[in-house]
Protein backbone atom coordinates (compact mmCIF):
# COMPACT_ATOMS: atom_id res chain seq x y z
CA MET A 1 11.70 -3.32 41.17
CA LYS A 2 11.48 -6.71 39.83
CA VAL A 3 8.36 -6.60 37.41
CA HIS A 4 6.58 -10.16 35.83
CA PHE A 5 4.99 -10.26 33.33
CA SER A 6 2.38 -12.98 32.54
CA GLY A 7 -0.97 -13.28 30.41
CA SER A 8 -1.61 -12.34 26.74
CA ALA A 9 1.56 -10.58 26.35
CA GLU A 10 2.90 -14.00 26.10
CA ASN A 11 0.70 -14.32 22.75
CA PRO A 12 1.74 -12.06 19.90
CA ALA A 13 -1.41 -12.63 17.73
CA LEU A 14 -2.88 -10.39 20.46
CA SER A 15 -2.69 -6.23 20.87
CA PHE A 16 -1.23 -6.87 24.84
CA GLY A 17 2.08 -7.45 23.49
CA LYS A 18 1.80 -3.70 22.09
CA CYS A 19 1.05 -2.83 25.75
CA ARG A 20 3.93 -4.95 27.48
CA GLY A 21 6.46 -2.88 25.20
CA LEU A 22 4.93 0.02 26.50
CA VAL A 23 5.41 -0.81 29.58
CA GLU A 24 9.47 -2.04 29.00
CA ARG A 25 9.84 0.65 27.19
CA GLU A 26 10.83 3.11 30.08
CA LEU A 27 10.53 0.57 32.49
CA ASP A 28 14.47 0.28 33.55
CA ASN A 29 13.87 4.35 33.84
CA LEU A 30 10.75 3.81 35.95
CA CYS A 31 11.90 1.14 38.21
CA THR A 32 14.43 3.38 40.00
CA LEU A 33 11.37 5.80 41.29
CA VAL A 34 10.47 2.47 43.81
CA ASP A 35 12.07 0.25 45.86
CA ASP A 36 15.04 -1.99 44.57
CA ASP A 37 13.21 -4.88 46.29
CA ALA A 38 9.85 -4.70 45.36
CA GLU A 39 7.90 -6.95 42.99
CA LEU A 40 4.90 -6.81 41.09
CA GLN A 41 3.41 -8.77 38.74
CA ILE A 42 1.28 -7.72 35.93
CA TYR A 43 -1.38 -10.02 34.03
CA LEU A 44 -2.19 -8.78 30.67
CA GLY A 45 -5.25 -10.05 29.79
CA THR A 46 -8.89 -10.61 30.76
CA PRO A 47 -9.48 -12.27 34.45
CA LEU A 48 -11.80 -14.80 32.90
CA TRP A 49 -14.19 -16.94 34.85
CA ASN A 50 -13.39 -20.44 33.20
CA GLN A 51 -10.39 -22.42 33.04
CA ARG A 52 -9.08 -21.12 30.05
CA SER A 53 -7.34 -17.95 32.05
CA LYS A 54 -4.27 -20.02 33.45
CA TRP A 55 -2.47 -17.56 35.67
CA GLN A 56 -0.03 -18.43 38.49
CA ARG A 57 1.39 -15.88 41.18
CA LYS A 58 4.68 -15.23 40.87
CA SER A 59 4.93 -12.22 43.35
CA PRO A 60 3.31 -10.69 46.28
CA GLN A 61 1.89 -8.36 44.88
CA PHE A 62 -0.28 -9.34 41.65
CA VAL A 63 -2.28 -6.74 39.45
CA TRP A 64 -4.97 -7.23 36.30
CA PHE A 65 -4.18 -5.12 33.29
CA THR A 66 -7.28 -5.55 31.18
CA MET A 67 -8.38 -3.79 27.75
CA TRP A 68 -12.37 -5.54 28.26
CA GLU A 69 -14.46 -3.62 25.50
CA TRP A 70 -18.22 -4.31 27.10
CA PRO A 71 -20.07 -2.96 29.37
CA GLU A 72 -20.91 -5.78 30.69
CA ILE A 73 -18.85 -7.87 33.46
CA PRO A 74 -19.39 -11.08 34.54
CA LYS A 75 -19.58 -11.60 38.45
CA GLY A 76 -16.34 -14.26 37.78
CA VAL A 77 -14.29 -11.46 36.70
CA ILE A 78 -14.85 -8.98 39.41
CA ASP A 79 -14.22 -11.82 42.11
CA ARG A 80 -11.35 -12.58 40.52
CA ILE A 81 -9.66 -8.82 40.35
CA ASN A 82 -11.07 -8.02 43.72
CA ALA A 83 -8.94 -10.86 45.10
CA SER A 84 -6.06 -9.21 43.49
CA GLU A 85 -4.29 -6.53 45.05
CA GLY A 86 -4.89 -3.82 41.73
CA LEU A 87 -6.54 -3.51 38.24
CA VAL A 88 -5.29 -1.36 35.93
CA THR A 89 -7.05 -0.26 32.76
CA PRO A 90 -6.16 2.23 29.84
CA SER A 91 -9.10 4.53 29.91
CA GLU A 92 -11.61 6.53 32.37
CA TRP A 93 -14.43 4.54 30.51
CA THR A 94 -13.25 1.23 30.99
CA ASP A 95 -12.39 2.00 35.29
CA ARG A 96 -15.74 3.63 35.38
CA ILE A 97 -17.70 0.53 34.44
CA PHE A 98 -15.54 -2.04 36.50
CA ALA A 99 -15.64 0.26 39.77
CA ASP A 100 -19.90 0.09 38.89
CA ALA A 101 -19.77 -3.94 38.57
CA GLY A 102 -18.02 -3.46 41.98
CA VAL A 103 -14.50 -4.02 42.20
CA LYS A 104 -13.22 -2.85 45.49
CA VAL A 105 -9.54 -2.99 45.18
CA PRO A 106 -7.00 0.32 43.97
CA ARG A 107 -7.73 1.27 40.37
CA PHE A 108 -5.31 2.74 38.06
CA VAL A 109 -6.06 4.44 34.51
CA VAL A 110 -3.04 4.10 32.29
CA PRO A 111 -3.84 5.61 28.58
CA LEU A 112 -1.94 4.02 25.79
CA GLY A 113 0.35 6.22 23.79
CA VAL A 114 1.84 6.85 20.52
CA ASP A 115 5.25 6.70 19.32
CA PRO A 116 5.89 9.83 17.76
CA ALA A 117 9.03 8.90 16.37
CA ALA A 118 7.71 5.66 14.31
CA TYR A 119 4.11 7.31 13.73
CA THR A 120 4.99 10.91 11.85
CA TYR A 121 2.94 13.09 10.07
CA LYS A 122 2.97 12.95 5.82
CA PRO A 123 0.63 15.34 3.69
CA LYS A 124 -1.69 13.76 1.33
CA ASP A 125 -0.91 12.70 -2.30
CA PRO A 126 -3.80 14.54 -4.04
CA ASP A 127 -3.28 12.84 -7.20
CA ARG A 128 -3.38 9.39 -6.04
CA PRO A 129 -6.77 7.06 -5.80
CA PHE A 130 -8.65 7.73 -2.67
CA THR A 131 -7.83 5.07 0.00
CA PHE A 132 -9.76 3.67 2.50
CA LEU A 133 -8.39 2.10 5.49
CA TRP A 134 -9.63 -0.71 7.75
CA VAL A 135 -7.53 -2.67 10.64
CA GLY A 136 -8.28 -5.42 12.66
CA VAL A 137 -7.62 -8.65 14.03
CA GLN A 138 -9.81 -12.07 12.09
CA THR A 139 -11.33 -13.37 14.96
CA GLY A 140 -14.05 -15.03 13.21
CA HIS A 141 -16.03 -15.32 17.00
CA ILE A 142 -18.12 -12.16 16.26
CA ARG A 143 -21.46 -13.30 14.21
CA GLN A 144 -23.38 -10.46 13.15
CA ILE A 145 -27.00 -10.94 11.41
CA SER A 146 -26.99 -9.33 7.39
CA GLU A 147 -29.81 -6.88 6.48
CA GLN A 148 -30.35 -10.54 3.69
CA GLY A 149 -30.59 -12.66 7.31
CA GLN A 150 -27.80 -14.11 6.53
CA LEU A 151 -24.75 -15.38 9.33
CA LYS A 152 -22.14 -13.24 9.28
CA ILE A 153 -18.64 -14.82 10.44
CA GLY A 154 -16.59 -11.60 11.17
CA ASP A 155 -14.64 -9.24 13.55
CA ARG A 156 -15.50 -7.01 16.77
CA LYS A 157 -14.20 -4.52 14.38
CA ARG A 158 -16.22 -5.48 11.28
CA GLY A 159 -13.87 -5.39 8.43
CA TRP A 160 -16.89 -7.25 6.71
CA LEU A 161 -18.98 -4.46 7.37
CA VAL A 162 -16.50 -2.15 5.56
CA ARG A 163 -15.70 -4.03 2.11
CA GLU A 164 -19.75 -4.83 1.65
CA ALA A 165 -19.96 -1.05 1.83
CA PHE A 166 -16.84 0.12 -0.27
CA GLU A 167 -18.25 -2.40 -2.77
CA ARG A 168 -21.88 -1.39 -2.87
CA LEU A 169 -20.46 2.67 -3.53
CA ASN A 170 -18.00 1.60 -6.07
CA LEU A 171 -16.85 4.98 -6.47
CA PRO A 172 -14.12 5.80 -9.10
CA ASP A 173 -10.39 5.89 -8.42
CA THR A 174 -10.63 4.60 -4.94
CA ARG A 175 -9.10 1.94 -3.31
CA LEU A 176 -9.63 -0.23 -0.25
CA ILE A 177 -6.76 -1.35 2.11
CA LEU A 178 -8.16 -4.15 4.93
CA LYS A 179 -4.94 -4.86 6.97
CA SER A 180 -5.97 -7.95 9.42
CA ILE A 181 -3.79 -10.66 11.63
CA PRO A 182 -4.99 -13.42 10.93
CA TRP A 183 -6.74 -16.17 13.08
CA PRO A 184 -5.48 -18.64 13.10
CA ASN A 185 -1.77 -17.81 11.96
CA SER A 186 -3.08 -18.25 7.78
CA PRO A 187 -1.07 -15.16 5.69
CA MET A 188 -3.12 -13.96 3.04
CA ASN A 189 -2.78 -11.35 0.86
CA TRP A 190 -4.63 -10.36 -2.55
CA GLU A 191 -6.19 -7.79 -4.48
CA ARG A 192 -8.92 -7.45 -7.08
CA VAL A 193 -10.94 -5.15 -9.04
CA THR A 194 -14.49 -4.48 -8.35
CA PRO A 195 -16.65 -4.18 -11.87
CA GLY A 196 -16.71 -0.15 -11.24
CA GLY A 197 -13.04 -0.19 -11.05
CA ALA A 198 -12.09 0.39 -7.38
CA HIS A 199 -9.08 -1.70 -6.01
CA ILE A 200 -9.73 -3.89 -2.62
CA HIS A 201 -6.14 -5.05 -1.36
CA GLU A 202 -6.53 -7.02 1.93
CA LEU A 203 -3.72 -8.01 3.64
CA SER A 204 -4.04 -10.67 6.54
CA GLN A 205 -0.29 -10.97 7.97
CA TRP A 206 2.16 -9.47 10.20
CA VAL A 207 4.25 -6.86 8.94
CA PRO A 208 7.31 -5.10 10.15
CA GLU A 209 5.59 -1.18 12.51
CA GLU A 210 7.32 0.88 9.33
CA GLU A 211 5.09 -0.88 7.08
CA MET A 212 1.94 -0.40 8.92
CA VAL A 213 3.10 3.84 9.38
CA ARG A 214 3.38 3.75 5.63
CA LEU A 215 -0.19 2.29 5.11
CA TYR A 216 -1.49 4.88 7.65
CA GLN A 217 0.55 7.65 5.89
CA GLU A 218 -1.19 6.32 2.56
CA ALA A 219 -4.81 6.21 3.37
CA ASP A 220 -7.06 9.14 3.47
CA VAL A 221 -9.50 7.73 6.16
CA LEU A 222 -9.61 5.27 8.37
CA VAL A 223 -13.60 3.30 8.51
CA TRP A 224 -13.32 1.41 12.06
CA PRO A 225 -17.11 0.65 13.05
CA THR A 226 -16.13 -1.38 15.83
CA PHE A 227 -18.27 -2.65 18.34
CA GLY A 228 -16.44 -1.38 21.32
CA GLU A 229 -12.79 -0.82 22.38
CA GLY A 230 -10.91 -1.10 25.53
CA PHE A 231 -8.68 1.92 24.28
CA GLY A 232 -8.61 1.87 20.69
CA LEU A 233 -4.98 2.72 19.94
CA PRO A 234 -5.12 2.53 16.22
CA PRO A 235 -7.10 5.59 15.26
CA LEU A 236 -4.48 7.45 17.65
CA GLU A 237 -1.69 6.41 15.42
CA ALA A 238 -3.54 7.05 12.13
CA ALA A 239 -4.02 10.53 13.22
CA ALA A 240 -0.12 10.47 13.93
CA CYS A 241 0.17 9.99 10.76
CA GLY A 242 -2.42 12.70 9.34
CA THR A 243 -5.39 10.17 8.76
CA THR A 244 -8.40 10.97 9.88
CA SER A 245 -11.08 8.09 11.08
CA ILE A 246 -14.87 7.27 10.87
CA LEU A 247 -16.08 5.77 13.53
CA PRO A 248 -19.00 5.09 16.51
CA ASN A 249 -18.25 7.61 19.85
CA TYR A 250 -18.37 4.79 21.99
CA SER A 251 -16.41 2.79 24.79
CA ALA A 252 -13.30 3.81 25.48
CA ILE A 253 -13.36 6.12 22.27
CA GLU A 254 -15.13 8.59 24.19
CA ASP A 255 -11.82 9.22 26.13
CA TRP A 256 -10.56 10.76 23.02
CA PHE A 257 -13.02 11.15 20.55
CA ASP A 258 -12.80 14.65 18.90
CA SER A 259 -15.10 16.14 15.88
CA GLU A 260 -12.52 18.75 14.69
CA TRP A 261 -10.50 15.84 13.48
CA LEU A 262 -12.50 12.63 13.55
CA THR A 263 -15.89 12.03 12.02
CA GLU A 264 -18.68 10.41 14.06
CA LEU A 265 -20.37 6.99 13.01
CA PRO A 266 -24.32 7.36 13.90
CA HIS A 267 -24.75 4.21 16.38
CA LYS A 268 -27.20 2.43 18.91
CA VAL A 269 -26.07 0.44 21.80
CA GLY A 270 -27.80 -3.00 21.21
CA ARG A 271 -27.01 -6.55 21.68
CA ILE A 272 -24.39 -7.58 19.89
CA TRP A 273 -26.26 -11.13 19.35
CA PRO A 274 -29.84 -10.42 19.02
CA GLY A 275 -32.01 -13.80 19.71
CA SER A 276 -29.34 -15.16 22.09
CA ARG A 277 -28.53 -15.62 25.25
CA ASP A 278 -25.26 -13.58 25.61
CA PRO A 279 -26.04 -10.39 27.67
CA MET A 280 -23.05 -8.55 25.56
CA THR A 281 -24.28 -5.14 23.70
CA GLY A 282 -22.39 -2.44 21.83
CA ALA A 283 -21.80 -0.21 19.14
CA CYS A 284 -24.59 -1.24 16.12
CA VAL A 285 -24.06 0.80 13.19
CA SER A 286 -25.97 0.81 9.79
CA MET A 287 -24.77 -0.02 6.31
CA ASP A 288 -26.37 3.31 5.04
CA ASP A 289 -24.96 5.08 7.89
CA VAL A 290 -21.43 3.78 6.56
CA MET A 291 -21.92 4.34 3.00
CA GLY A 292 -22.88 7.83 3.88
CA GLN A 293 -19.76 8.51 5.61
CA MET A 294 -17.70 7.22 3.39
CA GLU A 295 -19.00 8.58 0.20
CA HIS A 296 -18.48 12.11 2.04
CA ALA A 297 -15.05 11.85 2.94
CA TYR A 298 -14.31 11.13 -0.60
CA ARG A 299 -16.27 13.88 -1.91
CA ASN A 300 -14.36 16.18 0.53
CA ARG A 301 -11.36 14.91 0.01
CA THR A 302 -9.50 18.20 1.30
CA GLN A 303 -11.44 17.98 4.14
CA MET A 304 -10.10 14.83 5.61
CA ALA A 305 -6.60 16.28 4.90
CA GLU A 306 -6.77 18.99 7.13
CA MET A 307 -8.70 16.91 9.85
CA GLY A 308 -5.90 14.39 9.62
CA ARG A 309 -3.43 17.39 10.04
CA LYS A 310 -5.15 19.00 13.16
CA GLY A 311 -5.54 15.30 14.32
CA ALA A 312 -1.41 14.65 14.53
CA SER A 313 -1.23 17.98 15.90
CA VAL A 314 -3.00 16.90 19.19
CA VAL A 315 -2.23 12.98 19.65
CA LYS A 316 1.71 14.87 19.55
CA ASP A 317 0.78 17.24 22.00
CA ARG A 318 -1.78 15.32 24.47
CA TRP A 319 -1.39 11.32 23.18
CA THR A 320 1.98 9.88 22.61
CA TYR A 321 3.84 7.76 25.03
CA GLU A 322 5.53 10.59 27.14
CA HIS A 323 2.36 12.42 27.13
CA ALA A 324 -0.43 9.89 28.21
CA THR A 325 1.02 6.92 29.02
CA ARG A 326 4.26 7.08 31.48
CA PRO A 327 3.26 9.62 33.30
CA ALA A 328 0.28 7.40 34.85
CA LEU A 329 2.86 4.25 34.84
CA GLU A 330 5.18 5.76 37.13
CA HIS A 331 1.92 6.71 39.60
CA VAL A 332 1.49 2.79 39.65
CA LEU A 333 4.79 1.78 40.22
CA ALA A 334 5.51 3.89 42.71
CA HIS A 335 2.32 2.63 44.75
CA TYR A 336 3.52 -0.55 44.64
CA GLY A 337 6.80 -0.04 44.83
CA LYS A 338 6.31 1.95 48.61
CA ASP A 339 8.12 0.32 51.56
CA ASP A 340 4.73 -0.27 53.68
């Protein structure tokens, strides 16, 4: 089978590059399951309803792979998907919202998976400062109103909220690492100390995968107050390294959330841009709840370490590439590779 990729996979600033890597990792082996003459084009990205979505059909069979994060889907997106031969999404939640919105073509769920050879468990060191971690992409296109009524320019995963919560708590012997991908590509690496002695380290640049693993392993908890996810791979990567997460149980996170090894951040589903005509909704969380869960984690370090250990075991058994991704991908390629 010949597989062509297009769309956001070509842009390394987007997470779809990792999705493409998951597909290509075992592609040679998987393609032996299907007709050698078959061709499949996979467009990684969202079939936007305006001219920003530039795609060309390169093969007779054309499917979308999208990690759409919101329950609202514009009709133009559905029309484009229904003009293709299929839809692939990484979660049951995402699959359900597309089905409810009117997708008629065959649908497949291909979860993402963690590479167990790269993301490995490491016990926590109780003698070093308690470390909070946040990871995300600094897109600057998500607007949020702060408690003082000021406009916030941030990101879907709300790193600014984690930083403000950390600064307000000002807990002794703690540090916060904000790891982001710069947008636009303007690397930044700085560190400062709050009046109470807490350290904030902002790392806005590309790092090798082994460095990302080290950040996960050294953190005590990942704080991730995201509006919504199409899958949500970072908490699973963190769990594989022995780090628990604080996050809302909403959107695709519902597919794998487990209170045995994750802490739920209370949320209400509401408009992301109150007062605007934009209909998008997401998980809205409060500053008080973020601060409360962060302080609870800090004061229960042993419990956090135990939750991290449990999470590492669950991810190893259920959410690796071999367990989660490859079986579903085999099904997709076999479907499109059959000789009709």
